[in-house]
Amino acid sequence: MRYHHLRFDIWLCLCLGVLISFGTTKIVLLVMPKAYENYREEHTVEEGMIGGKATENIFLAESVNDLLTHETFSVVSKGIQYRNRGGGYHDNYYFQALILPSGEIIAAKINEESVIHTTGDIYSGDSILPVGKIVYEDLTTDTYFLHQIEYKEKLTRTDFYIDMLGNGGKLSEEDYTEVPKMIVQILTVLIVFPIAHLCGSKLGIFPYFFEPREKTNRKKEKE
């Protein structure tokens, strides 16, 4: 087996880029709390709205017929049964195979932050799900999604799903900052590496990746 080792100058410039990226990341982290606060406010759903906590006047649906005959509704689920039937990803959202009190199963995207646990324990008692509405869409066009969500049981209807997310479903602050941090780190290394190597090459510390035309022409003249 052949091993390929990076030259010392490449390692040195990469290490320099990584070290500097720690500094640029700290700058990003100073800015992100304010950005996250704005993001959190935009993705906090009021009670009674789609994806928000169900209020007393929200109809509690028990069957598909109830869903079809009400503009908005909620569903009462035993413990965490609403997320025990499996699920799958569709349009970049995670959908649960939600079982209604009637035993019918419908795909639903649910804002976990708005679930009300009546006993304070998510494993016992009732869970009142967020306010939802029907969204008509042919789910059979996404065969991979159906393969995921119907792993245990078939959906009762595949011509619509329940939206109990609305504008909710916000990321945690850690998850929200992870992508910007990674992008800044990569960009910093990509910018610092060529600049550092070029400076080192001009000072004669590192060999050139591509020799300047002047040097090339001089070599040709000598030959």
C-alpha atoms as a PDB file:
ATOM      1  CA  MET A   1       0.000   0.000   0.000  1.00  0.00           C
ATOM      2  CA  ARG A   2       1.344   3.401  -0.966  1.00  0.00           C
ATOM      3  CA  TYR A   3       1.120   6.322   1.437  1.00  0.00           C
ATOM      4  CA  HIS A   4       0.993   9.920   0.274  1.00  0.00           C
ATOM      5  CA  HIS A   5       2.166  12.602   2.672  1.00  0.00           C
ATOM      6  CA  LEU A   6       1.321  16.285   2.320  1.00  0.00           C
ATOM      7  CA  ARG A   7       4.307  18.614   2.107  1.00  0.00           C
ATOM      8  CA  PHE A   8       5.236  20.546   5.245  1.00  0.00           C
ATOM      9  CA  ASP A   9       4.276  23.876   3.639  1.00  0.00           C
ATOM     10  CA  ILE A  10       0.748  22.646   2.902  1.00  0.00           C
ATOM     11  CA  TRP A  11       0.314  21.348   6.449  1.00  0.00           C
ATOM     12  CA  LEU A  12       1.659  24.593   7.892  1.00  0.00           C
ATOM     13  CA  CYS A  13      -0.676  26.809   5.846  1.00  0.00           C
ATOM     14  CA  LEU A  14      -3.656  24.591   6.641  1.00  0.00           C
ATOM     15  CA  CYS A  15      -2.876  24.752  10.353  1.00  0.00           C
ATOM     16  CA  LEU A  16      -2.573  28.542  10.136  1.00  0.00           C
ATOM     17  CA  GLY A  17      -5.952  28.709   8.417  1.00  0.00           C
ATOM     18  CA  VAL A  18      -7.544  26.531  11.104  1.00  0.00           C
ATOM     19  CA  LEU A  19      -6.051  28.647  13.902  1.00  0.00           C
ATOM     20  CA  ILE A  20      -7.350  31.868  12.356  1.00  0.00           C
ATOM     21  CA  SER A  21     -10.757  30.237  11.810  1.00  0.00           C
ATOM     22  CA  PHE A  22     -11.082  29.935  15.603  1.00  0.00           C
ATOM     23  CA  GLY A  23     -10.948  33.726  15.778  1.00  0.00           C
ATOM     24  CA  THR A  24     -13.456  34.312  12.972  1.00  0.00           C
ATOM     25  CA  THR A  25     -15.779  31.749  14.558  1.00  0.00           C
ATOM     26  CA  LYS A  26     -15.696  33.673  17.851  1.00  0.00           C
ATOM     27  CA  ILE A  27     -16.722  36.820  15.970  1.00  0.00           C
ATOM     28  CA  VAL A  28     -19.652  34.923  14.441  1.00  0.00           C
ATOM     29  CA  LEU A  29     -20.695  33.645  17.871  1.00  0.00           C
ATOM     30  CA  LEU A  30     -20.839  37.235  19.151  1.00  0.00           C
ATOM     31  CA  VAL A  31     -23.299  38.151  16.381  1.00  0.00           C
ATOM     32  CA  MET A  32     -25.427  34.976  16.401  1.00  0.00           C
ATOM     33  CA  PRO A  33     -27.343  35.474  19.710  1.00  0.00           C
ATOM     34  CA  LYS A  34     -29.126  38.531  18.301  1.00  0.00           C
ATOM     35  CA  ALA A  35     -29.800  36.746  15.013  1.00  0.00           C
ATOM     36  CA  TYR A  36     -31.150  33.733  16.889  1.00  0.00           C
ATOM     37  CA  GLU A  37     -33.409  35.932  18.994  1.00  0.00           C
ATOM     38  CA  ASN A  38     -34.994  37.335  15.817  1.00  0.00           C
ATOM     39  CA  TYR A  39     -35.273  33.826  14.382  1.00  0.00           C
ATOM     40  CA  ARG A  40     -36.892  32.534  17.598  1.00  0.00           C
ATOM     41  CA  GLU A  41     -39.470  35.320  17.599  1.00  0.00           C
ATOM     42  CA  GLU A  42     -40.341  34.665  13.952  1.00  0.00           C
ATOM     43  CA  HIS A  43     -40.841  30.937  14.647  1.00  0.00           C
ATOM     44  CA  THR A  44     -42.828  31.217  17.869  1.00  0.00           C
ATOM     45  CA  VAL A  45     -46.476  30.404  17.182  1.00  0.00           C
ATOM     46  CA  GLU A  46     -49.270  31.994  19.200  1.00  0.00           C
ATOM     47  CA  GLU A  47     -51.868  29.862  20.956  1.00  0.00           C
ATOM     48  CA  GLY A  48     -54.836  28.995  18.765  1.00  0.00           C
ATOM     49  CA  MET A  49     -52.860  29.464  15.521  1.00  0.00           C
ATOM     50  CA  ILE A  50     -51.721  26.645  13.225  1.00  0.00           C
ATOM     51  CA  GLY A  51     -48.790  25.013  15.030  1.00  0.00           C
ATOM     52  CA  GLY A  52     -49.622  26.762  18.297  1.00  0.00           C
ATOM     53  CA  LYS A  53     -51.033  25.335  21.519  1.00  0.00           C
ATOM     54  CA  ALA A  54     -54.667  24.318  21.312  1.00  0.00           C
ATOM     55  CA  THR A  55     -57.030  26.568  23.240  1.00  0.00           C
ATOM     56  CA  GLU A  56     -60.320  25.468  24.824  1.00  0.00           C
ATOM     57  CA  ASN A  57     -62.399  26.526  21.814  1.00  0.00           C
ATOM     58  CA  ILE A  58     -60.433  24.342  19.355  1.00  0.00           C
ATOM     59  CA  PHE A  59     -62.370  21.312  18.128  1.00  0.00           C
ATOM     60  CA  LEU A  60     -60.897  17.931  19.124  1.00  0.00           C
ATOM     61  CA  ALA A  61     -61.015  15.666  16.075  1.00  0.00           C
ATOM     62  CA  GLU A  62     -61.393  11.915  16.473  1.00  0.00           C
ATOM     63  CA  SER A  63     -61.694  10.701  12.889  1.00  0.00           C
ATOM     64  CA  VAL A  64     -60.862  11.563   9.295  1.00  0.00           C
ATOM     65  CA  ASN A  65     -64.429  12.793   8.869  1.00  0.00           C
ATOM     66  CA  ASP A  66     -63.866  15.257  11.715  1.00  0.00           C
ATOM     67  CA  LEU A  67     -60.734  16.525  10.007  1.00  0.00           C
ATOM     68  CA  LEU A  68     -62.558  17.011   6.726  1.00  0.00           C
ATOM     69  CA  THR A  69     -65.452  18.891   8.270  1.00  0.00           C
ATOM     70  CA  HIS A  70     -63.466  21.394  10.371  1.00  0.00           C
ATOM     71  CA  GLU A  71     -61.139  24.154   9.180  1.00  0.00           C
ATOM     72  CA  THR A  72     -58.903  23.857  12.250  1.00  0.00           C
ATOM     73  CA  PHE A  73     -58.734  21.222  14.968  1.00  0.00           C
ATOM     74  CA  SER A  74     -56.570  19.426  17.477  1.00  0.00           C
ATOM     75  CA  VAL A  75     -56.154  15.751  18.330  1.00  0.00           C
ATOM     76  CA  VAL A  76     -55.769  14.096  21.726  1.00  0.00           C
ATOM     77  CA  SER A  77     -53.186  11.335  21.824  1.00  0.00           C
ATOM     78  CA  LYS A  78     -52.321   8.907  24.623  1.00  0.00           C
ATOM     79  CA  GLY A  79     -48.880   9.694  26.017  1.00  0.00           C
ATOM     80  CA  ILE A  80     -46.458   9.856  23.111  1.00  0.00           C
ATOM     81  CA  GLN A  81     -48.468   7.555  20.886  1.00  0.00           C
ATOM     82  CA  TYR A  82     -48.562  10.335  18.290  1.00  0.00           C
ATOM     83  CA  ARG A  83     -44.889   9.729  17.551  1.00  0.00           C
ATOM     84  CA  ASN A  84     -44.691   5.980  18.108  1.00  0.00           C
ATOM     85  CA  ARG A  85     -45.976   4.872  14.706  1.00  0.00           C
ATOM     86  CA  GLY A  86     -42.913   5.916  12.771  1.00  0.00           C
ATOM     87  CA  GLY A  87     -42.477   8.733  10.284  1.00  0.00           C
ATOM     88  CA  GLY A  88     -40.508  10.045   7.347  1.00  0.00           C
ATOM     89  CA  TYR A  89     -39.127  13.144   5.629  1.00  0.00           C
ATOM     90  CA  HIS A  90     -41.114  14.985   2.980  1.00  0.00           C
ATOM     91  CA  ASP A  91     -40.227  18.441   1.583  1.00  0.00           C
ATOM     92  CA  ASN A  92     -37.488  18.733   4.234  1.00  0.00           C
ATOM     93  CA  TYR A  93     -39.961  18.261   7.101  1.00  0.00           C
ATOM     94  CA  TYR A  94     -40.378  15.270   9.383  1.00  0.00           C
ATOM     95  CA  PHE A  95     -43.880  13.795   9.400  1.00  0.00           C
ATOM     96  CA  GLN A  96     -45.335  11.478  12.036  1.00  0.00           C
ATOM     97  CA  ALA A  97     -47.762   8.665  11.252  1.00  0.00           C
ATOM     98  CA  LEU A  98     -50.461  10.069  13.540  1.00  0.00           C
ATOM     99  CA  ILE A  99     -53.118   7.636  14.730  1.00  0.00           C
ATOM    100  CA  LEU A 100     -56.483   9.253  15.417  1.00  0.00           C
ATOM    101  CA  PRO A 101     -58.769   8.050  18.257  1.00  0.00           C
ATOM    102  CA  SER A 102     -60.787   6.277  15.528  1.00  0.00           C
ATOM    103  CA  GLY A 103     -57.731   4.179  14.637  1.00  0.00           C
ATOM    104  CA  GLU A 104     -57.233   5.903  11.271  1.00  0.00           C
ATOM    105  CA  ILE A 105     -53.660   6.977  10.456  1.00  0.00           C
ATOM    106  CA  ILE A 106     -52.747  10.271   8.768  1.00  0.00           C
ATOM    107  CA  ALA A 107     -49.364  11.873   8.014  1.00  0.00           C
ATOM    108  CA  ALA A 108     -48.821  14.943  10.196  1.00  0.00           C
ATOM    109  CA  LYS A 109     -46.016  17.421  10.778  1.00  0.00           C
ATOM    110  CA  ILE A 110     -46.167  18.484  14.421  1.00  0.00           C
ATOM    111  CA  ASN A 111     -44.683  21.374  16.386  1.00  0.00           C
ATOM    112  CA  GLU A 112     -43.371  19.537  19.455  1.00  0.00           C
ATOM    113  CA  GLU A 113     -43.070  22.786  21.414  1.00  0.00           C
ATOM    114  CA  SER A 114     -46.848  23.260  21.296  1.00  0.00           C
ATOM    115  CA  VAL A 115     -47.843  19.790  22.532  1.00  0.00           C
ATOM    116  CA  ILE A 116     -49.692  20.020  25.864  1.00  0.00           C
ATOM    117  CA  HIS A 117     -49.063  17.096  28.243  1.00  0.00           C
ATOM    118  CA  THR A 118     -52.025  17.088  30.626  1.00  0.00           C
ATOM    119  CA  THR A 119     -50.190  15.312  33.449  1.00  0.00           C
ATOM    120  CA  GLY A 120     -46.827  16.993  32.985  1.00  0.00           C
ATOM    121  CA  ASP A 121     -45.358  13.600  32.053  1.00  0.00           C
ATOM    122  CA  ILE A 122     -44.956  12.947  28.337  1.00  0.00           C
ATOM    123  CA  TYR A 123     -45.275   9.179  28.822  1.00  0.00           C
ATOM    124  CA  SER A 124     -48.576   9.098  30.680  1.00  0.00           C
ATOM    125  CA  GLY A 125     -51.906  10.832  30.470  1.00  0.00           C
ATOM    126  CA  ASP A 126     -53.102  12.665  27.368  1.00  0.00           C
ATOM    127  CA  SER A 127     -51.161  14.794  24.911  1.00  0.00           C
ATOM    128  CA  ILE A 128     -53.160  17.569  23.283  1.00  0.00           C
ATOM    129  CA  LEU A 129     -51.534  18.191  19.916  1.00  0.00           C
ATOM    130  CA  PRO A 130     -51.075  21.644  18.347  1.00  0.00           C
ATOM    131  CA  VAL A 131     -53.751  23.309  16.265  1.00  0.00           C
ATOM    132  CA  GLY A 132     -53.799  21.773  12.810  1.00  0.00           C
ATOM    133  CA  LYS A 133     -55.368  22.000   9.398  1.00  0.00           C
ATOM    134  CA  ILE A 134     -55.621  19.780   6.339  1.00  0.00           C
ATOM    135  CA  VAL A 135     -53.247  20.358   3.417  1.00  0.00           C
ATOM    136  CA  TYR A 136     -54.251  18.542   0.246  1.00  0.00           C
ATOM    137  CA  GLU A 137     -51.321  16.925  -1.580  1.00  0.00           C
ATOM    138  CA  ASP A 138     -50.793  13.641  -3.375  1.00  0.00           C
ATOM    139  CA  LEU A 139     -48.263  11.941  -1.089  1.00  0.00           C
ATOM    140  CA  THR A 140     -47.978   8.933  -3.418  1.00  0.00           C
ATOM    141  CA  THR A 141     -45.710  10.991  -5.675  1.00  0.00           C
ATOM    142  CA  ASP A 142     -43.014  10.769  -2.978  1.00  0.00           C
ATOM    143  CA  THR A 143     -42.461   7.015  -2.922  1.00  0.00           C
ATOM    144  CA  TYR A 144     -39.414   7.211  -0.639  1.00  0.00           C
ATOM    145  CA  PHE A 145     -41.429   9.152   1.949  1.00  0.00           C
ATOM    146  CA  LEU A 146     -44.267   6.611   1.827  1.00  0.00           C
ATOM    147  CA  HIS A 147     -41.761   3.780   2.211  1.00  0.00           C
ATOM    148  CA  GLN A 148     -40.520   5.456   5.409  1.00  0.00           C
ATOM    149  CA  ILE A 149     -43.786   6.483   7.025  1.00  0.00           C
ATOM    150  CA  GLU A 150     -45.644   3.292   6.076  1.00  0.00           C
ATOM    151  CA  TYR A 151     -42.900   1.033   7.401  1.00  0.00           C
ATOM    152  CA  LYS A 152     -45.216  -0.275  10.142  1.00  0.00           C
ATOM    153  CA  GLU A 153     -48.722   0.483   8.892  1.00  0.00           C
ATOM    154  CA  LYS A 154     -50.376   1.977   5.805  1.00  0.00           C
ATOM    155  CA  LEU A 155     -51.754   5.500   5.921  1.00  0.00           C
ATOM    156  CA  THR A 156     -55.540   5.698   5.805  1.00  0.00           C
ATOM    157  CA  ARG A 157     -55.403   8.613   3.349  1.00  0.00           C
ATOM    158  CA  THR A 158     -52.547   9.728   1.099  1.00  0.00           C
ATOM    159  CA  ASP A 159     -54.309  12.615  -0.648  1.00  0.00           C
ATOM    160  CA  PHE A 160     -53.706  15.043   2.233  1.00  0.00           C
ATOM    161  CA  TYR A 161     -51.688  15.524   5.407  1.00  0.00           C
ATOM    162  CA  ILE A 162     -52.156  17.466   8.654  1.00  0.00           C
ATOM    163  CA  ASP A 163     -50.143  20.625   9.236  1.00  0.00           C
ATOM    164  CA  MET A 164     -49.657  21.061  12.990  1.00  0.00           C
ATOM    165  CA  LEU A 165     -46.378  22.911  12.514  1.00  0.00           C
ATOM    166  CA  GLY A 166     -47.304  26.179  10.835  1.00  0.00           C
ATOM    167  CA  ASN A 167     -44.429  28.618  11.215  1.00  0.00           C
ATOM    168  CA  GLY A 168     -43.093  26.754  14.248  1.00  0.00           C
ATOM    169  CA  GLY A 169     -40.491  24.056  14.607  1.00  0.00           C
ATOM    170  CA  LYS A 170     -37.570  26.301  15.427  1.00  0.00           C
ATOM    171  CA  LEU A 171     -34.062  24.951  15.844  1.00  0.00           C
ATOM    172  CA  SER A 172     -32.173  25.082  19.117  1.00  0.00           C
ATOM    173  CA  GLU A 173     -29.590  27.860  19.392  1.00  0.00           C
ATOM    174  CA  GLU A 174     -26.798  25.292  19.108  1.00  0.00           C
ATOM    175  CA  ASP A 175     -28.215  23.820  15.893  1.00  0.00           C
ATOM    176  CA  TYR A 176     -28.983  27.298  14.515  1.00  0.00           C
ATOM    177  CA  THR A 177     -25.370  28.455  14.909  1.00  0.00           C
ATOM    178  CA  GLU A 178     -23.760  25.205  13.731  1.00  0.00           C
ATOM    179  CA  VAL A 179     -24.095  25.816   9.974  1.00  0.00           C
ATOM    180  CA  PRO A 180     -22.856  29.456  10.000  1.00  0.00           C
ATOM    181  CA  LYS A 181     -19.905  28.396  12.170  1.00  0.00           C
ATOM    182  CA  MET A 182     -18.977  25.619   9.756  1.00  0.00           C
ATOM    183  CA  ILE A 183     -19.274  27.896   6.703  1.00  0.00           C
ATOM    184  CA  VAL A 184     -17.102  30.601   8.303  1.00  0.00           C
ATOM    185  CA  GLN A 185     -14.470  28.033   9.314  1.00  0.00           C
ATOM    186  CA  ILE A 186     -14.279  26.556   5.806  1.00  0.00           C
ATOM    187  CA  LEU A 187     -14.184  29.983   4.104  1.00  0.00           C
ATOM    188  CA  THR A 188     -11.467  31.180   6.481  1.00  0.00           C
ATOM    189  CA  VAL A 189      -9.235  28.202   5.682  1.00  0.00           C
ATOM    190  CA  LEU A 190      -9.885  28.554   1.940  1.00  0.00           C
ATOM    191  CA  ILE A 191      -8.954  32.255   2.056  1.00  0.00           C
ATOM    192  CA  VAL A 192      -5.995  32.047   4.459  1.00  0.00           C
ATOM    193  CA  PHE A 193      -4.337  29.007   2.851  1.00  0.00           C
ATOM    194  CA  PRO A 194      -3.514  30.509  -0.596  1.00  0.00           C
ATOM    195  CA  ILE A 195      -2.574  33.905   0.877  1.00  0.00           C
ATOM    196  CA  ALA A 196      -0.246  32.364   3.479  1.00  0.00           C
ATOM    197  CA  HIS A 197       1.349  30.039   0.927  1.00  0.00           C
ATOM    198  CA  LEU A 198       1.850  32.836  -1.595  1.00  0.00           C
ATOM    199  CA  CYS A 199       3.529  35.026   1.041  1.00  0.00           C
ATOM    200  CA  GLY A 200       5.747  32.128   2.116  1.00  0.00           C
ATOM    201  CA  SER A 201       6.687  31.409  -1.499  1.00  0.00           C
ATOM    202  CA  LYS A 202       7.629  35.024  -2.167  1.00  0.00           C
ATOM    203  CA  LEU A 203       9.813  35.022   0.954  1.00  0.00           C
ATOM    204  CA  GLY A 204      11.513  31.854  -0.273  1.00  0.00           C
ATOM    205  CA  ILE A 205      10.247  29.771   2.644  1.00  0.00           C
ATOM    206  CA  PHE A 206       7.917  27.570   0.573  1.00  0.00           C
ATOM    207  CA  PRO A 207       8.220  26.244  -2.958  1.00  0.00           C
ATOM    208  CA  TYR A 208       5.812  27.741  -5.483  1.00  0.00           C
ATOM    209  CA  PHE A 209       2.813  25.741  -6.636  1.00  0.00           C
ATOM    210  CA  PHE A 210       3.143  27.586  -9.942  1.00  0.00           C
ATOM    211  CA  GLU A 211       6.301  29.511 -10.596  1.00  0.00           C
ATOM    212  CA  PRO A 212       5.889  33.166 -11.636  1.00  0.00           C
ATOM    213  CA  ARG A 213       6.464  33.929 -15.326  1.00  0.00           C
ATOM    214  CA  GLU A 214       9.548  35.968 -14.511  1.00  0.00           C
ATOM    215  CA  LYS A 215      11.267  32.967 -12.897  1.00  0.00           C
ATOM    216  CA  THR A 216      10.223  30.681 -15.735  1.00  0.00           C
ATOM    217  CA  ASN A 217      11.527  33.112 -18.349  1.00  0.00           C
ATOM    218  CA  ARG A 218      14.857  33.472 -16.523  1.00  0.00           C
ATOM    219  CA  LYS A 219      15.293  29.697 -16.451  1.00  0.00           C
ATOM    220  CA  LYS A 220      14.644  29.554 -20.183  1.00  0.00           C
ATOM    221  CA  GLU A 221      17.160  32.343 -20.829  1.00  0.00           C
ATOM    222  CA  LYS A 222      19.825  30.499 -18.828  1.00  0.00           C
ATOM    223  CA  GLU A 223      19.167  27.343 -20.792  1.00  0.00           C
END
